[in-house]
Amino acid sequence: MGTILSSKILPDDRVKLRICLNEEEALSLGGCVKNVHVFSSDLCKYESRVIERGRDGVTKHFLVPSNLRDKTKRLFFGIKCQKIDMGNKDLYVYVLSRERNILF
C-alpha cells in the first residue's frame, strides 16, 4: 500500500504528489507512468454484494449499487479488470470503455 509523502498545488491548478510505494506495487505498474489513478479503499461508501451462481458457486457476479447505476442503457465495448491483493482485502478494479475501438 502506498503513502502520499507530500503534495503541492501547481500554477495550472494541477496537484503534484510525491508517493512512496513498495517495490511490488511499483513493479505492478508495469512501467506505466501516464493515466495513473490514485484512490483509497477507505473512500468506498456504498454497500454491495457478490452473487454466486452455477455449480458450487464458481460464477461470481459483483452487484453495482443502485445509486451508482447509470439510468440510460449504454453499451460497453471493452471491459478490463485488475485484482489487487492488499493482505486482508481484495480490491477489484473494472474499467469500462464507452467508445468502440478505443482500448485503454
Protein backbone atom coordinates (compact mmCIF):
# COMPACT_ATOMS: atom_id res chain seq x y z
CA MET A 1 0.00 0.00 0.00
CA GLY A 2 1.38 3.38 -0.97
CA THR A 3 1.58 6.60 1.02
CA ILE A 4 1.43 10.21 -0.16
CA LEU A 5 4.52 11.93 1.19
CA SER A 6 3.78 15.47 0.02
CA SER A 7 1.52 17.48 -2.25
CA LYS A 8 1.96 20.81 -4.00
CA ILE A 9 -0.56 22.85 -5.99
CA LEU A 10 0.93 23.96 -9.32
CA PRO A 11 0.09 27.27 -11.06
CA ASP A 12 -2.09 25.49 -13.66
CA ASP A 13 -4.38 24.07 -10.89
CA ARG A 14 -2.87 20.61 -11.03
CA VAL A 15 -1.56 18.88 -7.90
CA LYS A 16 1.92 17.36 -7.77
CA LEU A 17 2.17 14.36 -5.43
CA ARG A 18 5.20 12.53 -4.07
CA ILE A 19 4.17 8.94 -3.49
CA CYS A 20 6.09 6.18 -1.75
CA LEU A 21 5.33 2.61 -2.93
CA ASN A 22 6.86 -0.69 -2.03
CA GLU A 23 8.78 -2.48 -4.78
CA GLU A 24 5.98 -4.95 -5.58
CA GLU A 25 3.46 -2.16 -6.17
CA ALA A 26 5.88 -0.18 -8.29
CA LEU A 27 6.59 -3.25 -10.43
CA SER A 28 2.87 -3.96 -10.81
CA LEU A 29 2.55 -0.65 -12.71
CA GLY A 30 4.49 -2.35 -15.48
CA GLY A 31 6.30 0.82 -16.47
CA CYS A 32 3.07 2.81 -16.96
CA VAL A 33 3.55 6.37 -15.74
CA LYS A 34 0.71 8.11 -17.62
CA ASN A 35 -3.00 7.80 -16.84
CA VAL A 36 -2.30 6.56 -13.31
CA HIS A 37 -5.26 7.00 -10.94
CA VAL A 38 -4.72 7.35 -7.20
CA PHE A 39 -7.53 6.12 -4.94
CA SER A 40 -8.06 4.72 -1.49
CA SER A 41 -10.19 1.78 -0.37
CA ASP A 42 -11.23 3.96 2.59
CA LEU A 43 -13.35 6.04 0.18
CA CYS A 44 -15.74 3.15 -0.58
CA LYS A 45 -19.07 4.27 0.90
CA TYR A 46 -21.66 2.07 -0.77
CA GLU A 47 -22.61 -1.41 0.37
CA SER A 48 -22.78 -4.09 -2.31
CA ARG A 49 -22.91 -7.86 -2.62
CA VAL A 50 -21.46 -10.73 -4.59
CA ILE A 51 -23.93 -13.27 -6.02
CA GLU A 52 -22.75 -16.83 -6.65
CA ARG A 53 -24.24 -18.91 -9.46
CA GLY A 54 -23.56 -22.26 -11.06
CA ARG A 55 -22.26 -25.49 -9.66
CA ASP A 56 -20.59 -24.91 -6.29
CA GLY A 57 -20.84 -21.12 -6.80
CA VAL A 58 -17.98 -20.94 -9.28
CA THR A 59 -19.53 -17.97 -11.15
CA LYS A 60 -19.49 -14.76 -9.14
CA HIS A 61 -21.32 -11.53 -10.02
CA PHE A 62 -20.39 -8.20 -8.46
CA LEU A 63 -23.55 -6.14 -7.97
CA VAL A 64 -23.41 -2.42 -8.77
CA PRO A 65 -25.33 -0.47 -6.10
CA SER A 66 -28.48 1.21 -7.44
CA ASN A 67 -27.26 4.72 -6.63
CA LEU A 68 -24.16 4.15 -8.82
CA ARG A 69 -26.02 2.69 -11.81
CA ASP A 70 -26.42 4.70 -14.99
CA LYS A 71 -30.13 5.06 -15.75
CA THR A 72 -29.60 5.18 -19.53
CA LYS A 73 -28.86 1.99 -21.42
CA ARG A 74 -25.26 2.22 -22.56
CA LEU A 75 -23.17 -0.28 -24.43
CA PHE A 76 -19.68 -1.03 -23.23
CA PHE A 77 -17.19 -2.12 -25.86
CA GLY A 78 -14.20 -3.03 -23.75
CA ILE A 79 -14.06 -4.17 -20.15
CA LYS A 80 -10.84 -4.84 -18.28
CA CYS A 81 -10.33 -5.93 -14.70
CA GLN A 82 -7.47 -5.95 -12.23
CA LYS A 83 -7.27 -7.65 -8.84
CA ILE A 84 -5.11 -6.05 -6.17
CA ASP A 85 -4.31 -8.18 -3.12
CA MET A 86 -3.99 -5.97 -0.05
CA GLY A 87 -3.39 -8.64 2.57
CA ASN A 88 -6.71 -8.75 4.41
CA LYS A 89 -8.64 -7.15 1.49
CA ASP A 90 -9.00 -7.85 -2.21
CA LEU A 91 -9.56 -4.85 -4.44
CA TYR A 92 -11.15 -5.36 -7.87
CA VAL A 93 -10.89 -2.50 -10.35
CA TYR A 94 -13.04 -2.60 -13.50
CA VAL A 95 -12.52 -0.21 -16.42
CA LEU A 96 -15.33 0.08 -18.98
CA SER A 97 -14.94 1.78 -22.35
CA ARG A 98 -17.99 3.53 -23.79
CA GLU A 99 -16.44 4.08 -27.21
CA ARG A 100 -15.91 1.43 -29.86
CA ASN A 101 -12.32 0.61 -30.91
CA ILE A 102 -10.79 2.62 -28.08
CA LEU A 103 -8.70 0.32 -25.98
CA PHE A 104 -7.29 1.60 -22.77
